[in-house]
Protein backbone atom coordinates (compact mmCIF):
# COMPACT_ATOMS: atom_id res chain seq x y z
CA MET A 1 218.07 64.15 84.03
CA ILE A 2 221.49 65.07 85.40
CA ASN A 3 223.18 62.76 87.92
CA ILE A 4 226.13 64.15 89.90
CA ARG A 5 228.51 61.71 91.54
CA LEU A 6 232.09 61.22 92.64
CA PHE A 7 234.37 60.09 89.84
CA THR A 8 235.81 56.62 89.48
CA PRO A 9 239.07 55.71 87.68
CA LYS A 10 237.07 54.62 84.61
CA ASP A 11 235.90 58.25 84.25
CA LEU A 12 239.40 59.66 83.71
CA PRO A 13 239.35 59.63 79.87
CA ALA A 14 236.08 61.62 79.84
CA ILE A 15 237.34 63.99 82.56
CA LYS A 16 240.50 64.67 80.55
CA LYS A 17 238.41 65.27 77.43
CA VAL A 18 236.13 67.81 79.17
CA LEU A 19 239.12 69.61 80.70
CA ALA A 20 240.93 69.78 77.34
CA GLU A 21 237.87 71.06 75.50
CA ALA A 22 237.18 73.68 78.19
CA ASP A 23 240.87 74.71 78.25
CA LEU A 24 241.11 73.77 81.92
CA SER A 25 244.04 71.36 81.69
CA TYR A 26 247.34 72.40 83.21
CA PRO A 27 250.69 70.73 83.83
CA ASN A 28 250.93 68.68 87.00
CA ILE A 29 247.17 68.37 87.39
CA GLU A 30 246.29 65.73 89.92
CA TYR A 31 243.35 63.61 88.83
CA ARG A 32 241.58 63.32 92.16
CA ASP A 33 238.74 65.06 93.99
CA PHE A 34 236.55 65.14 90.86
CA TRP A 35 232.81 65.05 90.59
CA VAL A 36 231.12 64.25 87.30
CA ALA A 37 227.74 65.19 85.86
CA GLU A 38 226.12 62.45 83.78
CA GLN A 39 223.27 62.72 81.34
CA ASP A 40 221.98 59.54 79.69
CA ASN A 41 224.92 57.66 81.26
CA GLN A 42 227.44 59.95 79.52
CA ILE A 43 229.72 62.38 81.34
CA VAL A 44 228.85 65.90 80.28
CA GLY A 45 230.62 67.96 82.95
CA VAL A 46 233.28 67.85 85.65
CA LEU A 47 234.11 69.67 88.84
CA GLN A 48 237.26 69.35 90.90
CA LEU A 49 237.05 70.34 94.56
CA GLU A 50 240.12 70.11 96.76
CA ASN A 51 239.13 69.84 100.41
CA LYS A 52 241.70 71.28 102.79
CA ILE A 53 241.58 71.50 106.57
CA ASN A 54 240.04 74.98 106.79
CA TYR A 55 238.76 75.65 103.26
CA SER A 56 237.95 74.10 99.90
CA PHE A 57 239.37 75.10 96.53
CA LEU A 58 237.37 74.74 93.32
CA SER A 59 240.09 73.92 90.77
CA SER A 60 237.93 73.15 87.74
CA LEU A 61 234.36 73.38 86.56
CA GLY A 62 233.72 72.53 82.93
CA VAL A 63 231.01 71.21 80.62
CA PHE A 64 231.31 69.87 77.09
CA THR A 65 230.51 72.62 74.57
CA GLN A 66 227.51 70.74 73.13
CA ASN A 67 226.04 70.48 76.66
CA GLN A 68 226.51 74.08 77.69
CA ASN A 69 223.63 76.47 78.39
CA GLN A 70 221.55 73.66 79.88
CA GLY A 71 222.22 74.54 83.53
CA ILE A 72 224.66 71.67 84.09
CA ALA A 73 227.48 73.79 85.55
CA SER A 74 224.96 75.61 87.76
CA LYS A 75 223.54 72.32 89.00
CA MET A 76 227.02 70.99 89.76
CA LEU A 77 227.94 74.17 91.62
CA GLN A 78 224.68 74.18 93.56
CA ASN A 79 225.22 70.54 94.54
CA LEU A 80 228.70 71.45 95.73
CA MET A 81 227.51 74.43 97.77
CA ASP A 82 224.59 72.50 99.28
CA ASN A 83 227.16 70.16 100.80
CA ALA A 84 229.92 72.68 101.61
CA SER A 85 230.83 73.13 105.24
CA LYS A 86 233.92 75.29 104.59
CA ASP A 87 234.63 78.44 102.63
CA VAL A 88 235.10 77.71 98.90
CA TYR A 89 237.73 79.65 96.91
CA LEU A 90 238.42 79.71 93.17
CA TYR A 91 240.09 81.65 90.37
CA THR A 92 238.03 82.56 87.32
CA ILE A 93 237.76 84.78 84.27
CA ILE A 94 233.95 84.50 84.35
CA PRO A 95 233.09 86.07 87.72
CA ARG A 96 229.52 86.93 86.70
CA PHE A 97 228.65 83.24 86.53
CA PHE A 98 229.93 82.62 90.05
CA GLU A 99 228.36 85.82 91.43
CA LYS A 100 224.97 84.34 90.46
CA HIS A 101 225.77 81.54 92.90
CA GLY A 102 226.75 83.81 95.79
CA PHE A 103 230.52 84.02 95.27
CA LYS A 104 232.22 87.34 95.90
CA ILE A 105 235.46 88.73 94.47
CA ALA A 106 238.22 88.66 97.08
CA LEU A 107 241.94 89.16 97.42
CA PRO A 108 243.61 85.74 97.26
CA PRO A 109 244.53 84.69 100.78
CA PRO A 110 248.07 83.33 101.21
CA PHE A 111 246.87 79.82 102.04
CA ILE A 112 245.15 79.00 98.70
CA PRO A 113 247.15 77.62 95.76
CA PRO A 114 248.94 80.33 93.77
CA ARG A 115 247.71 81.14 90.27
CA SER A 116 251.09 80.02 88.92
CA ARG A 117 250.16 76.42 89.80
CA PHE A 118 247.63 76.49 86.96
CA ASP A 119 250.12 77.66 84.34
CA CYS A 120 247.74 80.25 82.97
CA MET A 121 249.83 80.92 79.88
CA ASN A 122 246.80 81.37 77.63
CA CYS A 123 244.62 82.83 80.35
CA GLU A 124 243.39 86.38 80.28
CA ARG A 125 245.26 87.41 83.42
CA GLU A 126 243.71 90.87 83.54
CA LYS A 127 240.27 89.21 83.84
CA CYS A 128 241.28 86.53 86.36
CA VAL A 129 239.96 87.11 89.86
CA CYS A 130 239.88 85.20 93.10
CA MET A 131 236.39 84.54 94.46
CA VAL A 132 235.05 83.07 97.66
CA LYS A 133 231.78 81.85 99.05
CA LYS A 134 231.89 81.76 102.79
CA ALA A 135 230.32 78.75 104.46
CA LYS A 136 228.26 81.10 106.64
CA ASP A 137 226.81 82.69 103.45
CA LYS A 138 225.01 79.50 102.55
CA LEU A 139 222.57 79.81 105.44
């Protein structure tokens, strides 16, 4: 069974490990606003959601390689969206995954963090898109 909860400071080593393995670490990352997915009392996935005044920004969603293809990321994302009251934006190189959850490709609005914040040096820029799921779409 998967348990999804807000992180605590004791979770930081596992969060950093998931982010490193999933190639989601970037300089100047702020270790706050994380949710963790636990299975058998072990962290298997992480999600970082920055809540702003008028929107939310999904900064990271990653699962340990050995725990992938078990629906953990989908469950974390569904949990997030079930509780979202604002539009949720993100950048991704795997848009098909997010489209399955109702996200749509969009031009990045000027108020979300710029891609440069994430230092996407090894990222496949030509595949990177901005996506959004509007709060009204969850009805």
